[in-house]
């Protein structure tokens, strides 16, 4: 919401802003080109800058928001050339370190969440949503840059989790969970998507 307000504010001329609004906004310009590069904003007028917009002239590139004003960014908004919000970054540990990014549909509902599980900026887990419900996820569990774990969900219940134990890029072993929490082990020896019950594998608790 704050990001949308800033985008609208940039369209206004300085003289059209109320005196209080002018005091809350502090622009910074590139000394070489004269283009606007930063717009600092005190949204509640308490003297603390809580929103910083990174600009390319009149175009918003990124907005950082410190909602609780603890000196750490809580939300990162990224905008495309069309000035539409592309993704939103968050800090799962609430420590100012960006480690997850959400993507939304036209209605604003989150459809995908990318996570840096090691908090190094590299996406290692992707979760897919429909109507706020988690449908599936894939993860690079060993950090080699390749997906090796796949999860599927049935409502709020984990229904299966598959693994690539052979490093072939496809799952070859999976656990299929029943509603009562028990699981059966299945294997795909050839890696062609055909899973069969693993020999000698008994049902195990979730």
C-alpha atoms as a PDB file:
ATOM      1  CA  UNK A   1       0.000   0.000   0.000  1.00  0.00           C
ATOM      2  CA  UNK A   2       2.786   2.456   0.889  1.00  0.00           C
ATOM      3  CA  UNK A   3       4.499   1.639  -2.384  1.00  0.00           C
ATOM      4  CA  UNK A   4       1.363   2.419  -4.345  1.00  0.00           C
ATOM      5  CA  UNK A   5       1.042   5.765  -2.556  1.00  0.00           C
ATOM      6  CA  UNK A   6       4.608   6.663  -3.502  1.00  0.00           C
ATOM      7  CA  UNK A   7       4.031   5.791  -7.140  1.00  0.00           C
ATOM      8  CA  UNK A   8       1.014   8.090  -7.205  1.00  0.00           C
ATOM      9  CA  UNK A   9       2.921  10.825  -5.351  1.00  0.00           C
ATOM     10  CA  UNK A  10       5.590  10.920  -8.007  1.00  0.00           C
ATOM     11  CA  UNK A  11       3.033  11.910 -10.588  1.00  0.00           C
ATOM     12  CA  UNK A  12       2.138  14.985  -8.565  1.00  0.00           C
ATOM     13  CA  UNK A  13       4.161  18.171  -8.838  1.00  0.00           C
ATOM     14  CA  UNK A  14       5.859  19.550  -5.759  1.00  0.00           C
ATOM     15  CA  UNK A  15       3.541  22.532  -5.635  1.00  0.00           C
ATOM     16  CA  UNK A  16       0.465  20.315  -5.579  1.00  0.00           C
ATOM     17  CA  UNK A  17       1.586  18.443  -2.459  1.00  0.00           C
ATOM     18  CA  UNK A  18       0.358  19.783   0.888  1.00  0.00           C
ATOM     19  CA  UNK A  19       3.024  21.465   3.064  1.00  0.00           C
ATOM     20  CA  UNK A  20       3.027  18.507   5.466  1.00  0.00           C
ATOM     21  CA  UNK A  21       3.540  16.072   2.583  1.00  0.00           C
ATOM     22  CA  UNK A  22       6.465  18.119   1.273  1.00  0.00           C
ATOM     23  CA  UNK A  23       8.198  17.954   4.668  1.00  0.00           C
ATOM     24  CA  UNK A  24       7.822  14.187   4.848  1.00  0.00           C
ATOM     25  CA  UNK A  25       9.427  13.538   1.447  1.00  0.00           C
ATOM     26  CA  UNK A  26      13.141  14.066   0.824  1.00  0.00           C
ATOM     27  CA  UNK A  27      14.373  13.595  -2.755  1.00  0.00           C
ATOM     28  CA  UNK A  28      17.973  12.872  -3.728  1.00  0.00           C
ATOM     29  CA  UNK A  29      19.269  13.449  -7.249  1.00  0.00           C
ATOM     30  CA  UNK A  30      22.180  12.069  -9.244  1.00  0.00           C
ATOM     31  CA  UNK A  31      24.787  14.881  -9.260  1.00  0.00           C
ATOM     32  CA  UNK A  32      25.868  13.999 -12.802  1.00  0.00           C
ATOM     33  CA  UNK A  33      22.555  13.515 -14.569  1.00  0.00           C
ATOM     34  CA  UNK A  34      20.188  15.402 -12.292  1.00  0.00           C
ATOM     35  CA  UNK A  35      17.809  12.440 -12.339  1.00  0.00           C
ATOM     36  CA  UNK A  36      15.909  11.514  -9.207  1.00  0.00           C
ATOM     37  CA  UNK A  37      17.545   8.446  -7.645  1.00  0.00           C
ATOM     38  CA  UNK A  38      16.115   8.269  -4.101  1.00  0.00           C
ATOM     39  CA  UNK A  39      12.921   9.386  -2.438  1.00  0.00           C
ATOM     40  CA  UNK A  40      12.917   9.145   1.352  1.00  0.00           C
ATOM     41  CA  UNK A  41       9.548   9.253   3.061  1.00  0.00           C
ATOM     42  CA  UNK A  42       8.388   9.651   6.663  1.00  0.00           C
ATOM     43  CA  UNK A  43       4.932   8.111   6.385  1.00  0.00           C
ATOM     44  CA  UNK A  44       3.691   8.956   9.885  1.00  0.00           C
ATOM     45  CA  UNK A  45       5.419  12.321  10.318  1.00  0.00           C
ATOM     46  CA  UNK A  46       7.392  11.346  13.427  1.00  0.00           C
ATOM     47  CA  UNK A  47      10.723  12.461  11.995  1.00  0.00           C
ATOM     48  CA  UNK A  48      11.944   8.970  11.078  1.00  0.00           C
ATOM     49  CA  UNK A  49      12.351   7.854   7.478  1.00  0.00           C
ATOM     50  CA  UNK A  50      10.509   4.536   7.178  1.00  0.00           C
ATOM     51  CA  UNK A  51      10.249   4.217   3.396  1.00  0.00           C
ATOM     52  CA  UNK A  52      12.967   4.611   0.770  1.00  0.00           C
ATOM     53  CA  UNK A  53      12.142   4.479  -2.927  1.00  0.00           C
ATOM     54  CA  UNK A  54      14.937   3.770  -5.411  1.00  0.00           C
ATOM     55  CA  UNK A  55      14.230   5.714  -8.569  1.00  0.00           C
ATOM     56  CA  UNK A  56      15.277   5.956 -12.193  1.00  0.00           C
ATOM     57  CA  UNK A  57      14.040   9.468 -12.769  1.00  0.00           C
ATOM     58  CA  UNK A  58      10.262   9.272 -12.434  1.00  0.00           C
ATOM     59  CA  UNK A  59      10.267   5.461 -12.566  1.00  0.00           C
ATOM     60  CA  UNK A  60      10.121   3.473  -9.348  1.00  0.00           C
ATOM     61  CA  UNK A  61      12.593   0.565  -9.304  1.00  0.00           C
ATOM     62  CA  UNK A  62      12.443  -0.664  -5.730  1.00  0.00           C
ATOM     63  CA  UNK A  63      10.905   0.430  -2.437  1.00  0.00           C
ATOM     64  CA  UNK A  64      12.199  -0.548   1.006  1.00  0.00           C
ATOM     65  CA  UNK A  65       9.866  -0.242   3.976  1.00  0.00           C
ATOM     66  CA  UNK A  66      10.657  -0.313   7.696  1.00  0.00           C
ATOM     67  CA  UNK A  67       7.110  -0.542   9.026  1.00  0.00           C
ATOM     68  CA  UNK A  68       7.971  -0.922  12.715  1.00  0.00           C
ATOM     69  CA  UNK A  69      10.749   1.682  12.493  1.00  0.00           C
ATOM     70  CA  UNK A  70      13.338  -0.473  14.238  1.00  0.00           C
ATOM     71  CA  UNK A  71      16.009   0.463  11.708  1.00  0.00           C
ATOM     72  CA  UNK A  72      15.622  -2.790   9.756  1.00  0.00           C
ATOM     73  CA  UNK A  73      13.802  -3.163   6.454  1.00  0.00           C
ATOM     74  CA  UNK A  74      10.692  -5.371   6.712  1.00  0.00           C
ATOM     75  CA  UNK A  75       9.490  -5.311   3.113  1.00  0.00           C
ATOM     76  CA  UNK A  76      11.096  -4.908  -0.299  1.00  0.00           C
ATOM     77  CA  UNK A  77       8.909  -4.064  -3.315  1.00  0.00           C
ATOM     78  CA  UNK A  78      10.239  -4.534  -6.857  1.00  0.00           C
ATOM     79  CA  UNK A  79       8.597  -2.796  -9.831  1.00  0.00           C
ATOM     80  CA  UNK A  80       8.845  -3.560 -13.531  1.00  0.00           C
ATOM     81  CA  UNK A  81       9.209  -1.072 -16.430  1.00  0.00           C
ATOM     82  CA  UNK A  82       5.404  -0.869 -16.568  1.00  0.00           C
ATOM     83  CA  UNK A  83       5.413   0.286 -12.927  1.00  0.00           C
ATOM     84  CA  UNK A  84       3.540  -2.817 -11.826  1.00  0.00           C
ATOM     85  CA  UNK A  85       4.615  -4.613  -8.669  1.00  0.00           C
ATOM     86  CA  UNK A  86       6.590  -7.715  -9.711  1.00  0.00           C
ATOM     87  CA  UNK A  87       7.544  -9.255  -6.389  1.00  0.00           C
ATOM     88  CA  UNK A  88       7.756  -8.545  -2.678  1.00  0.00           C
ATOM     89  CA  UNK A  89      10.752  -9.467  -0.555  1.00  0.00           C
ATOM     90  CA  UNK A  90      10.498 -10.346   3.134  1.00  0.00           C
ATOM     91  CA  UNK A  91      12.786 -11.279   6.005  1.00  0.00           C
ATOM     92  CA  UNK A  92      11.529 -14.494   7.578  1.00  0.00           C
ATOM     93  CA  UNK A  93      13.649 -13.883  10.670  1.00  0.00           C
ATOM     94  CA  UNK A  94      12.566 -10.226  10.824  1.00  0.00           C
ATOM     95  CA  UNK A  95      16.200  -9.176  11.084  1.00  0.00           C
ATOM     96  CA  UNK A  96      16.444  -6.941   8.014  1.00  0.00           C
ATOM     97  CA  UNK A  97      17.942  -9.668   5.832  1.00  0.00           C
ATOM     98  CA  UNK A  98      15.865 -10.409   2.728  1.00  0.00           C
ATOM     99  CA  UNK A  99      15.465 -14.165   2.251  1.00  0.00           C
ATOM    100  CA  UNK A 100      12.091 -14.817   0.569  1.00  0.00           C
ATOM    101  CA  UNK A 101      10.135 -13.326  -2.355  1.00  0.00           C
ATOM    102  CA  UNK A 102       6.426 -13.592  -3.090  1.00  0.00           C
ATOM    103  CA  UNK A 103       4.730 -13.273  -6.478  1.00  0.00           C
ATOM    104  CA  UNK A 104       1.041 -12.448  -6.801  1.00  0.00           C
ATOM    105  CA  UNK A 105      -1.622 -12.660  -9.489  1.00  0.00           C
ATOM    106  CA  UNK A 106      -3.653  -9.726 -10.837  1.00  0.00           C
ATOM    107  CA  UNK A 107      -6.003  -9.963  -7.854  1.00  0.00           C
ATOM    108  CA  UNK A 108      -3.142  -9.698  -5.395  1.00  0.00           C
ATOM    109  CA  UNK A 109      -3.211 -13.316  -4.208  1.00  0.00           C
ATOM    110  CA  UNK A 110       0.184 -14.945  -3.696  1.00  0.00           C
ATOM    111  CA  UNK A 111       0.778 -17.719  -6.226  1.00  0.00           C
ATOM    112  CA  UNK A 112       4.475 -18.405  -5.669  1.00  0.00           C
ATOM    113  CA  UNK A 113       6.967 -18.000  -2.849  1.00  0.00           C
ATOM    114  CA  UNK A 114      10.707 -18.292  -3.487  1.00  0.00           C
ATOM    115  CA  UNK A 115      12.896 -18.926  -0.445  1.00  0.00           C
ATOM    116  CA  UNK A 116      16.615 -18.736   0.185  1.00  0.00           C
ATOM    117  CA  UNK A 117      16.824 -21.424   2.867  1.00  0.00           C
ATOM    118  CA  UNK A 118      20.493 -20.659   3.494  1.00  0.00           C
ATOM    119  CA  UNK A 119      19.763 -16.921   3.505  1.00  0.00           C
ATOM    120  CA  UNK A 120      22.503 -16.241   0.963  1.00  0.00           C
ATOM    121  CA  UNK A 121      20.293 -14.731  -1.742  1.00  0.00           C
ATOM    122  CA  UNK A 122      20.106 -17.961  -3.749  1.00  0.00           C
ATOM    123  CA  UNK A 123      16.615 -19.412  -4.154  1.00  0.00           C
ATOM    124  CA  UNK A 124      16.647 -23.044  -3.017  1.00  0.00           C
ATOM    125  CA  UNK A 125      12.928 -23.644  -2.396  1.00  0.00           C
ATOM    126  CA  UNK A 126       9.843 -22.655  -4.390  1.00  0.00           C
ATOM    127  CA  UNK A 127       6.304 -23.023  -3.038  1.00  0.00           C
ATOM    128  CA  UNK A 128       3.181 -22.843  -5.215  1.00  0.00           C
ATOM    129  CA  UNK A 129      -0.178 -21.611  -3.933  1.00  0.00           C
ATOM    130  CA  UNK A 130      -3.767 -21.463  -5.083  1.00  0.00           C
ATOM    131  CA  UNK A 131      -6.300 -19.389  -3.137  1.00  0.00           C
ATOM    132  CA  UNK A 132      -3.789 -19.106  -0.245  1.00  0.00           C
ATOM    133  CA  UNK A 133      -3.417 -22.921  -0.041  1.00  0.00           C
ATOM    134  CA  UNK A 134      -0.038 -24.575  -0.535  1.00  0.00           C
ATOM    135  CA  UNK A 135      -0.262 -26.973  -3.491  1.00  0.00           C
ATOM    136  CA  UNK A 136       3.324 -28.096  -4.034  1.00  0.00           C
ATOM    137  CA  UNK A 137       6.952 -27.243  -3.457  1.00  0.00           C
ATOM    138  CA  UNK A 138      10.321 -28.111  -4.915  1.00  0.00           C
ATOM    139  CA  UNK A 139      13.652 -27.688  -3.202  1.00  0.00           C
ATOM    140  CA  UNK A 140      17.380 -27.924  -3.759  1.00  0.00           C
ATOM    141  CA  UNK A 141      18.076 -29.646  -0.459  1.00  0.00           C
ATOM    142  CA  UNK A 142      21.799 -30.230  -0.934  1.00  0.00           C
ATOM    143  CA  UNK A 143      22.574 -26.822  -2.423  1.00  0.00           C
ATOM    144  CA  UNK A 144      24.094 -28.039  -5.687  1.00  0.00           C
ATOM    145  CA  UNK A 145      21.859 -25.845  -7.832  1.00  0.00           C
ATOM    146  CA  UNK A 146      19.509 -28.671  -8.866  1.00  0.00           C
ATOM    147  CA  UNK A 147      16.059 -29.534  -7.532  1.00  0.00           C
ATOM    148  CA  UNK A 148      16.181 -32.816  -5.619  1.00  0.00           C
ATOM    149  CA  UNK A 149      13.058 -32.745  -3.439  1.00  0.00           C
ATOM    150  CA  UNK A 150       9.398 -32.435  -4.415  1.00  0.00           C
ATOM    151  CA  UNK A 151       6.412 -32.043  -2.092  1.00  0.00           C
ATOM    152  CA  UNK A 152       2.690 -32.239  -2.866  1.00  0.00           C
ATOM    153  CA  UNK A 153      -0.155 -31.243  -0.576  1.00  0.00           C
ATOM    154  CA  UNK A 154      -3.808 -32.172  -0.185  1.00  0.00           C
ATOM    155  CA  UNK A 155      -5.406 -29.285   1.622  1.00  0.00           C
ATOM    156  CA  UNK A 156      -3.204 -28.667   4.655  1.00  0.00           C
ATOM    157  CA  UNK A 157      -1.867 -32.229   4.595  1.00  0.00           C
ATOM    158  CA  UNK A 158       1.433 -33.295   3.083  1.00  0.00           C
ATOM    159  CA  UNK A 159       0.434 -36.083   0.706  1.00  0.00           C
ATOM    160  CA  UNK A 160       3.821 -37.050  -0.729  1.00  0.00           C
ATOM    161  CA  UNK A 161       7.475 -36.112  -0.793  1.00  0.00           C
ATOM    162  CA  UNK A 162       9.852 -37.368  -3.476  1.00  0.00           C
ATOM    163  CA  UNK A 163      13.642 -37.345  -3.655  1.00  0.00           C
ATOM    164  CA  UNK A 164      16.312 -37.534  -6.329  1.00  0.00           C
ATOM    165  CA  UNK A 165      18.839 -39.801  -4.640  1.00  0.00           C
ATOM    166  CA  UNK A 166      20.706 -40.574  -7.876  1.00  0.00           C
ATOM    167  CA  UNK A 167      21.308 -36.937  -8.906  1.00  0.00           C
ATOM    168  CA  UNK A 168      19.571 -37.497 -12.257  1.00  0.00           C
ATOM    169  CA  UNK A 169      17.289 -34.467 -12.043  1.00  0.00           C
ATOM    170  CA  UNK A 170      14.146 -36.574 -11.524  1.00  0.00           C
ATOM    171  CA  UNK A 171      12.686 -38.200  -8.397  1.00  0.00           C
ATOM    172  CA  UNK A 172      13.475 -41.868  -7.873  1.00  0.00           C
ATOM    173  CA  UNK A 173      12.159 -42.433  -4.363  1.00  0.00           C
ATOM    174  CA  UNK A 174       9.119 -41.073  -2.562  1.00  0.00           C
ATOM    175  CA  UNK A 175       7.010 -41.322   0.545  1.00  0.00           C
ATOM    176  CA  UNK A 176       3.240 -41.324   0.044  1.00  0.00           C
ATOM    177  CA  UNK A 177       1.280 -40.354   3.156  1.00  0.00           C
ATOM    178  CA  UNK A 178      -2.175 -41.649   4.021  1.00  0.00           C
ATOM    179  CA  UNK A 179      -4.680 -39.459   5.892  1.00  0.00           C
ATOM    180  CA  UNK A 180      -3.936 -41.399   9.102  1.00  0.00           C
ATOM    181  CA  UNK A 181      -0.264 -40.370   8.962  1.00  0.00           C
ATOM    182  CA  UNK A 182       1.192 -43.678   7.833  1.00  0.00           C
ATOM    183  CA  UNK A 183       3.429 -43.730   4.780  1.00  0.00           C
ATOM    184  CA  UNK A 184       4.460 -46.134   2.091  1.00  0.00           C
ATOM    185  CA  UNK A 185       7.753 -46.090   0.250  1.00  0.00           C
ATOM    186  CA  UNK A 186       7.817 -46.147  -3.550  1.00  0.00           C
ATOM    187  CA  UNK A 187      10.738 -46.257  -5.963  1.00  0.00           C
ATOM    188  CA  UNK A 188      11.281 -45.410  -9.624  1.00  0.00           C
ATOM    189  CA  UNK A 189      14.344 -47.405 -10.639  1.00  0.00           C
ATOM    190  CA  UNK A 190      14.490 -46.186 -14.252  1.00  0.00           C
ATOM    191  CA  UNK A 191      13.634 -42.574 -13.494  1.00  0.00           C
ATOM    192  CA  UNK A 192      10.797 -42.568 -16.033  1.00  0.00           C
ATOM    193  CA  UNK A 193       8.036 -41.497 -13.647  1.00  0.00           C
ATOM    194  CA  UNK A 194       6.779 -45.018 -12.951  1.00  0.00           C
ATOM    195  CA  UNK A 195       6.786 -45.632  -9.205  1.00  0.00           C
ATOM    196  CA  UNK A 196       6.245 -49.046  -7.614  1.00  0.00           C
ATOM    197  CA  UNK A 197       6.168 -50.126  -3.946  1.00  0.00           C
ATOM    198  CA  UNK A 198       9.637 -50.624  -2.549  1.00  0.00           C
ATOM    199  CA  UNK A 199      10.337 -54.244  -1.676  1.00  0.00           C
ATOM    200  CA  UNK A 200      10.448 -54.949   2.012  1.00  0.00           C
ATOM    201  CA  UNK A 201       9.388 -51.400   2.908  1.00  0.00           C
ATOM    202  CA  UNK A 202       6.688 -51.321   5.583  1.00  0.00           C
ATOM    203  CA  UNK A 203       4.342 -48.488   6.311  1.00  0.00           C
ATOM    204  CA  UNK A 204       5.875 -45.991   8.705  1.00  0.00           C
ATOM    205  CA  UNK A 205       4.463 -43.178  10.815  1.00  0.00           C
ATOM    206  CA  UNK A 206       4.640 -39.684   9.378  1.00  0.00           C
END
